[in-house]
Amino acid sequence: MTTNLDRLKTIFEPQLIQEIQQFGIFQTFNDGDLIMDYGKYVRMMPIVLKGTVKVYRLDEKQNEILLYYLSDSESCSMAYSCCLEAKKSEVKAVAEDQVELIAIPHVKLDDWLCTYPSWKNYIMRSFNERFIELLKSIESIAFHKLDERLISYLKEKQRHTGSSVIKASHGLIADELATSRVVISRLLKQLENDKKIILYRNEIKLLASFS
């Protein structure tokens, strides 16, 4: 765990690293574990040290929509906002694989904002990155065809995991893209026929021709 925390040393001042070690709470989660849930008060802001976290939100029809992923050294700006405003969470965060994170207590968030320039820069950068990702999600849903959204989804998975093997069932992909399993299976089969991917049970291997 200490090794993973070392990655933050390139982002924050040494004194802030000491405070993160002093006040932060190290947590581990397995694939599928719930990290944050709808309607629950958020008392801590997570910083991901290892693994990938998926963040969802419900639409007006109560369907879950995948908003974005969090990985190495990233944090959820929505969790930060809920902490400061003492609001209930409007998102759900789920571990996609083995996840290690450090949870920062809400009482330290504002203090560090005034004390450490690196913390202020980190928070502002996090808000900007999440905002850009939300815009991409909205644009994808509104303007892109489903086959284009599926390709973007697989590329994003590859980018976050660093692996060409995507571990996900057709049903899971369908849920995260707000469509049916039958449609996703058909599109994946077409990609396989085009020699872009190889389909396995609950796994998809992206070939060199995919990019």
Protein backbone atom coordinates (compact mmCIF):
# COMPACT_ATOMS: atom_id res chain seq x y z
CA MET A 1 0.00 0.00 0.00
CA THR A 2 2.84 2.39 0.80
CA THR A 3 4.26 1.82 -2.69
CA ASN A 4 0.96 2.89 -4.23
CA LEU A 5 0.88 6.00 -2.04
CA ASP A 6 4.31 6.90 -3.39
CA ARG A 7 2.66 7.75 -6.69
CA LEU A 8 0.97 10.72 -5.02
CA LYS A 9 4.36 12.19 -4.16
CA THR A 10 4.65 13.49 -7.71
CA ILE A 11 1.39 15.41 -7.19
CA PHE A 12 1.40 16.73 -3.61
CA GLU A 13 3.85 18.51 -1.29
CA PRO A 14 5.73 16.33 1.24
CA GLN A 15 3.83 17.87 4.15
CA LEU A 16 0.50 17.12 2.50
CA ILE A 17 1.61 13.53 1.88
CA GLN A 18 2.29 13.27 5.62
CA GLU A 19 -1.22 14.53 6.40
CA ILE A 20 -2.76 12.13 3.89
CA GLN A 21 -0.96 9.28 5.65
CA GLN A 22 -2.05 10.60 9.05
CA PHE A 23 -5.74 11.27 8.35
CA GLY A 24 -6.54 9.14 5.31
CA ILE A 25 -8.07 5.69 5.68
CA PHE A 26 -6.71 2.94 3.41
CA GLN A 27 -9.41 0.68 1.99
CA THR A 28 -9.46 -2.30 -0.37
CA PHE A 29 -12.32 -3.59 -2.52
CA ASN A 30 -12.81 -6.63 -4.71
CA ASP A 31 -14.34 -6.77 -8.17
CA GLY A 32 -18.02 -5.77 -7.93
CA ASP A 33 -17.82 -4.32 -4.41
CA LEU A 34 -19.94 -1.24 -3.75
CA ILE A 35 -17.82 1.77 -2.78
CA MET A 36 -20.46 4.52 -2.85
CA ASP A 37 -24.24 4.23 -3.22
CA TYR A 38 -27.19 6.36 -4.19
CA GLY A 39 -28.87 8.28 -1.39
CA LYS A 40 -26.09 7.75 1.14
CA TYR A 41 -24.27 10.61 2.82
CA VAL A 42 -20.66 10.89 1.69
CA ARG A 43 -18.25 11.50 4.56
CA MET A 44 -14.99 10.86 2.73
CA MET A 45 -13.48 11.54 -0.68
CA PRO A 46 -11.68 8.58 -2.27
CA ILE A 47 -8.38 8.79 -4.13
CA VAL A 48 -7.76 5.65 -6.18
CA LEU A 49 -4.31 4.14 -5.66
CA LYS A 50 -4.75 0.95 -7.64
CA GLY A 51 -7.42 -0.57 -9.87
CA THR A 52 -10.44 0.91 -11.63
CA VAL A 53 -13.71 2.29 -10.26
CA LYS A 54 -16.89 2.73 -12.31
CA VAL A 55 -19.21 5.63 -11.49
CA TYR A 56 -22.92 5.44 -12.41
CA ARG A 57 -25.97 7.66 -12.20
CA LEU A 58 -29.69 6.93 -12.62
CA ASP A 59 -31.62 8.62 -15.42
CA GLU A 60 -35.23 9.81 -15.18
CA LYS A 61 -36.43 6.26 -15.94
CA GLN A 62 -34.23 4.82 -13.18
CA ASN A 63 -31.88 3.20 -15.67
CA GLU A 64 -28.21 3.21 -14.69
CA ILE A 65 -25.86 5.11 -16.97
CA LEU A 66 -22.11 4.75 -16.79
CA LEU A 67 -20.66 8.25 -16.31
CA TYR A 68 -16.92 7.65 -16.16
CA TYR A 69 -14.07 5.56 -14.78
CA LEU A 70 -11.58 6.43 -12.04
CA SER A 71 -8.11 4.93 -11.95
CA ASP A 72 -4.59 5.63 -10.69
CA SER A 73 -4.41 8.81 -8.54
CA GLU A 74 -7.87 9.98 -9.69
CA SER A 75 -10.77 11.04 -7.49
CA CYS A 76 -14.51 11.57 -7.81
CA SER A 77 -15.39 15.26 -7.91
CA MET A 78 -19.01 14.42 -7.12
CA ALA A 79 -17.89 12.81 -3.86
CA TYR A 80 -15.93 15.96 -3.06
CA SER A 81 -19.00 18.12 -3.69
CA CYS A 82 -21.25 15.90 -1.56
CA CYS A 83 -18.71 15.98 1.28
CA LEU A 84 -18.50 19.76 1.37
CA GLU A 85 -22.24 20.32 1.05
CA ALA A 86 -23.26 17.40 3.31
CA LYS A 87 -25.48 16.04 0.53
CA LYS A 88 -26.60 12.53 -0.23
CA SER A 89 -24.84 10.86 -3.12
CA GLU A 90 -26.44 11.03 -6.57
CA VAL A 91 -23.98 8.50 -7.97
CA LYS A 92 -22.89 4.92 -7.33
CA ALA A 93 -19.27 3.80 -7.43
CA VAL A 94 -18.34 0.13 -7.98
CA ALA A 95 -14.94 -1.57 -8.06
CA GLU A 96 -14.23 -3.06 -11.47
CA ASP A 97 -11.27 -5.10 -10.23
CA GLN A 98 -9.05 -5.22 -7.15
CA VAL A 99 -9.14 -1.63 -5.92
CA GLU A 100 -7.01 0.12 -3.32
CA LEU A 101 -7.88 3.67 -2.32
CA ILE A 102 -7.31 6.16 0.42
CA ALA A 103 -10.41 7.89 1.80
CA ILE A 104 -9.92 11.52 2.85
CA PRO A 105 -12.22 12.70 5.71
CA HIS A 106 -14.53 15.56 4.74
CA VAL A 107 -13.20 17.74 7.57
CA LYS A 108 -9.79 17.96 5.86
CA LEU A 109 -10.97 18.83 2.35
CA ASP A 110 -11.59 22.54 2.92
CA ASP A 111 -8.56 22.97 5.17
CA TRP A 112 -6.20 21.57 2.56
CA LEU A 113 -7.78 23.72 -0.14
CA CYS A 114 -6.61 26.82 1.71
CA THR A 115 -3.26 25.40 2.86
CA TYR A 116 -1.79 23.44 -0.04
CA PRO A 117 -1.60 24.78 -3.62
CA SER A 118 -1.11 21.27 -4.98
CA TRP A 119 -4.38 20.14 -3.38
CA LYS A 120 -6.26 23.07 -4.93
CA ASN A 121 -4.76 22.27 -8.32
CA TYR A 122 -5.63 18.58 -7.91
CA ILE A 123 -9.27 19.30 -7.04
CA MET A 124 -9.72 21.80 -9.88
CA ARG A 125 -8.10 19.41 -12.34
CA SER A 126 -10.36 16.58 -11.13
CA PHE A 127 -13.48 18.69 -11.68
CA ASN A 128 -12.28 19.64 -15.15
CA GLU A 129 -11.45 16.05 -16.15
CA ARG A 130 -14.77 14.67 -14.87
CA PHE A 131 -16.66 17.49 -16.63
CA ILE A 132 -14.96 16.66 -19.93
CA GLU A 133 -15.78 12.97 -19.48
CA LEU A 134 -19.43 13.81 -18.75
CA LEU A 135 -19.61 15.92 -21.92
CA LYS A 136 -18.19 12.98 -23.89
CA SER A 137 -20.82 10.66 -22.38
CA ILE A 138 -23.64 13.06 -23.23
CA GLU A 139 -22.31 13.54 -26.76
CA SER A 140 -21.99 9.79 -27.23
CA ILE A 141 -25.56 9.11 -26.12
CA ALA A 142 -27.06 12.00 -28.07
CA PHE A 143 -25.16 11.88 -31.36
CA HIS A 144 -23.29 8.62 -31.86
CA LYS A 145 -24.67 5.37 -33.18
CA LEU A 146 -24.59 2.39 -30.84
CA ASP A 147 -21.79 0.65 -32.73
CA GLU A 148 -19.62 3.78 -32.33
CA ARG A 149 -20.48 3.97 -28.64
CA LEU A 150 -19.53 0.31 -28.21
CA ILE A 151 -16.14 0.85 -29.84
CA SER A 152 -15.51 3.93 -27.66
CA TYR A 153 -16.56 1.93 -24.60
CA LEU A 154 -14.07 -0.86 -25.35
CA LYS A 155 -11.27 1.62 -26.07
CA GLU A 156 -11.94 3.41 -22.78
CA LYS A 157 -11.83 0.09 -20.94
CA GLN A 158 -8.51 -0.69 -22.60
CA ARG A 159 -7.11 2.73 -21.68
CA HIS A 160 -8.01 2.39 -18.01
CA THR A 161 -6.96 -1.22 -17.53
CA GLY A 162 -3.90 -1.09 -19.78
CA SER A 163 -4.93 -4.48 -21.17
CA SER A 164 -6.23 -5.59 -24.56
CA VAL A 165 -8.36 -8.22 -22.80
CA ILE A 166 -11.64 -6.71 -21.59
CA LYS A 167 -13.31 -8.70 -18.83
CA ALA A 168 -17.02 -8.02 -19.22
CA SER A 169 -20.12 -10.00 -20.11
CA HIS A 170 -22.43 -8.95 -22.94
CA GLY A 171 -25.10 -8.25 -20.35
CA LEU A 172 -22.86 -5.93 -18.36
CA ILE A 173 -21.89 -3.98 -21.47
CA ALA A 174 -25.56 -3.71 -22.44
CA ASP A 175 -26.45 -2.34 -19.00
CA GLU A 176 -23.66 0.21 -19.07
CA LEU A 177 -24.62 1.40 -22.55
CA ALA A 178 -28.35 1.38 -21.70
CA THR A 179 -29.35 -1.08 -24.41
CA SER A 180 -30.23 -4.77 -24.78
CA ARG A 181 -27.93 -7.76 -24.50
CA VAL A 182 -29.11 -9.09 -27.88
CA VAL A 183 -28.04 -5.89 -29.66
CA ILE A 184 -24.62 -5.86 -27.97
CA SER A 185 -24.04 -9.52 -28.81
CA ARG A 186 -24.87 -8.83 -32.45
CA LEU A 187 -22.51 -5.84 -32.64
CA LEU A 188 -19.69 -7.75 -30.92
CA LYS A 189 -20.15 -10.66 -33.32
CA GLN A 190 -19.86 -8.26 -36.23
CA LEU A 191 -16.61 -6.88 -34.81
CA GLU A 192 -15.34 -10.45 -34.48
CA ASN A 193 -16.29 -11.18 -38.08
CA ASP A 194 -14.38 -8.04 -39.09
CA LYS A 195 -11.28 -9.45 -37.34
CA LYS A 196 -11.28 -6.61 -34.80
CA ILE A 197 -11.83 -8.70 -31.67
CA ILE A 198 -11.98 -12.29 -30.42
CA LEU A 199 -14.88 -13.25 -28.17
CA TYR A 200 -14.44 -15.55 -25.18
CA ARG A 201 -16.73 -16.32 -22.27
CA ASN A 202 -17.08 -13.02 -20.37
CA GLU A 203 -13.92 -11.73 -22.07
CA ILE A 204 -13.18 -9.76 -25.23
CA LYS A 205 -9.70 -9.59 -26.74
CA LEU A 206 -9.02 -6.47 -28.78
CA LEU A 207 -6.80 -7.21 -31.77
CA ALA A 208 -4.23 -4.84 -33.28
CA SER A 209 -6.67 -4.04 -36.08
CA PHE A 210 -9.22 -2.75 -33.52
CA SER A 211 -7.39 0.56 -33.10
